[in-house]
Amino acid sequence: MKETIKPDILIGGAQFPLSQMKISFEVGSYKRGELVEIDEVTNNIKKCTDVTKMYGIVVSDTEIEVKGVAEIYVTGVFNFNGMEIGVLDKEKIKIIGRKIGMFFSRT
């Protein structure tokens, strides 16, 4: 059996402390490295559609079927090449990220 190993490059450095927290998520599938935001009404994490509401980065692949808790990174240095950002603007992510203790490399 041939196994392909994909290196994990999400963490972009150790220049700033890496912090995690457990928090409630909305129902859905989330990938490691996915940018998420917080719903200000429910206080649940959901997929990020508005960079100005960015709250963290998903720590590991997660499937939330009903109501569940998972971990996100809330501070640290991250590598864009290891992230799931879809069509979100990298420059805006960098600017907002600096305000909340998240920094990005490899643009």
Protein backbone atom coordinates (compact mmCIF):
# COMPACT_ATOMS: atom_id res chain seq x y z
CA MET A 1 0.00 0.00 0.00
CA LYS A 2 1.33 3.40 -0.98
CA GLU A 3 0.66 6.18 1.49
CA THR A 4 0.86 9.85 0.58
CA ILE A 5 1.77 12.11 3.44
CA LYS A 6 0.67 15.71 3.16
CA PRO A 7 2.75 18.04 5.32
CA ASP A 8 0.83 20.32 7.65
CA ILE A 9 1.85 23.92 7.05
CA LEU A 10 -0.90 25.82 8.86
CA ILE A 11 1.31 27.15 11.67
CA GLY A 12 3.50 29.89 10.18
CA GLY A 13 5.95 30.45 12.99
CA ALA A 14 6.55 30.85 16.70
CA GLN A 15 7.09 34.60 16.84
CA PHE A 16 3.71 35.12 18.56
CA PRO A 17 1.97 32.83 21.07
CA LEU A 18 -0.38 30.21 19.65
CA SER A 19 -3.61 30.10 21.70
CA GLN A 20 -6.60 27.81 21.36
CA MET A 21 -10.08 27.81 22.84
CA LYS A 22 -13.08 25.50 22.84
CA ILE A 23 -16.28 27.12 21.62
CA SER A 24 -19.75 26.18 20.33
CA PHE A 25 -20.10 25.74 16.57
CA GLU A 26 -23.06 25.93 14.22
CA VAL A 27 -24.00 22.67 12.48
CA GLY A 28 -21.68 21.88 9.55
CA SER A 29 -18.35 20.53 8.35
CA TYR A 30 -15.23 22.52 9.12
CA LYS A 31 -11.69 21.92 7.83
CA ARG A 32 -8.41 22.46 9.65
CA GLY A 33 -7.20 25.92 8.72
CA GLU A 34 -10.65 27.27 7.88
CA LEU A 35 -11.29 30.87 8.87
CA VAL A 36 -14.41 31.24 11.03
CA GLU A 37 -16.47 34.07 12.50
CA ILE A 38 -18.73 34.32 15.51
CA ASP A 39 -22.47 34.83 15.22
CA GLU A 40 -23.11 37.73 17.59
CA VAL A 41 -26.72 36.59 18.24
CA THR A 42 -26.10 32.89 19.04
CA ASN A 43 -22.42 33.17 20.09
CA ASN A 44 -21.72 30.14 17.89
CA ILE A 45 -18.84 29.81 15.46
CA LYS A 46 -19.75 29.59 11.78
CA LYS A 47 -18.02 29.71 8.41
CA CYS A 48 -16.49 33.11 7.74
CA THR A 49 -18.28 35.15 5.08
CA ASP A 50 -17.33 38.60 6.41
CA VAL A 51 -13.65 39.17 7.18
CA THR A 52 -14.52 42.00 9.58
CA LYS A 53 -16.18 39.37 11.84
CA MET A 54 -13.28 36.91 11.72
CA TYR A 55 -12.81 35.21 15.08
CA GLY A 56 -10.41 32.30 14.65
CA ILE A 57 -9.07 29.36 12.66
CA VAL A 58 -10.31 25.78 13.01
CA VAL A 59 -7.75 23.53 14.74
CA SER A 60 -8.78 20.20 13.17
CA ASP A 61 -11.31 18.76 10.74
CA THR A 62 -14.62 18.84 12.56
CA GLU A 63 -18.13 17.60 11.84
CA ILE A 64 -20.87 19.23 13.93
CA GLU A 65 -24.17 17.40 13.46
CA VAL A 66 -26.46 18.83 16.13
CA LYS A 67 -24.76 21.15 18.58
CA GLY A 68 -21.16 20.77 19.48
CA VAL A 69 -17.96 22.26 20.72
CA ALA A 70 -14.66 22.28 18.88
CA GLU A 71 -11.35 24.14 19.10
CA ILE A 72 -10.18 27.18 17.24
CA TYR A 73 -6.92 29.08 17.24
CA VAL A 74 -7.47 32.64 18.46
CA THR A 75 -3.90 33.93 18.29
CA GLY A 76 -0.74 32.93 16.46
CA VAL A 77 1.18 33.10 13.20
CA PHE A 78 -0.46 31.21 10.33
CA ASN A 79 0.53 30.27 6.80
CA PHE A 80 -1.98 31.18 4.08
CA ASN A 81 -0.82 28.12 2.11
CA GLY A 82 -2.21 25.88 4.87
CA MET A 83 -5.51 27.71 5.26
CA GLU A 84 -9.00 27.39 3.84
CA ILE A 85 -10.09 30.95 2.99
CA GLY A 86 -12.10 30.48 -0.20
CA VAL A 87 -12.73 33.82 -1.89
CA LEU A 88 -11.98 35.96 1.16
CA ASP A 89 -9.47 38.77 0.60
CA LYS A 90 -5.99 37.97 1.98
CA GLU A 91 -5.07 41.62 2.49
CA LYS A 92 -8.21 42.26 4.55
CA ILE A 93 -7.54 39.10 6.55
CA LYS A 94 -4.04 40.41 7.36
CA ILE A 95 -5.35 43.81 8.48
CA ILE A 96 -8.18 42.47 10.66
CA GLY A 97 -5.94 39.67 11.96
CA ARG A 98 -3.39 42.10 13.35
CA LYS A 99 -6.11 43.68 15.50
CA ILE A 100 -7.00 40.35 17.14
CA GLY A 101 -3.55 38.81 17.52
CA MET A 102 -3.46 36.73 14.33
CA PHE A 103 -0.62 37.16 11.89
CA PHE A 104 -0.15 35.62 8.44
CA SER A 105 2.78 34.59 6.29
CA ARG A 106 3.34 33.25 2.79
CA THR A 107 1.01 35.39 0.77
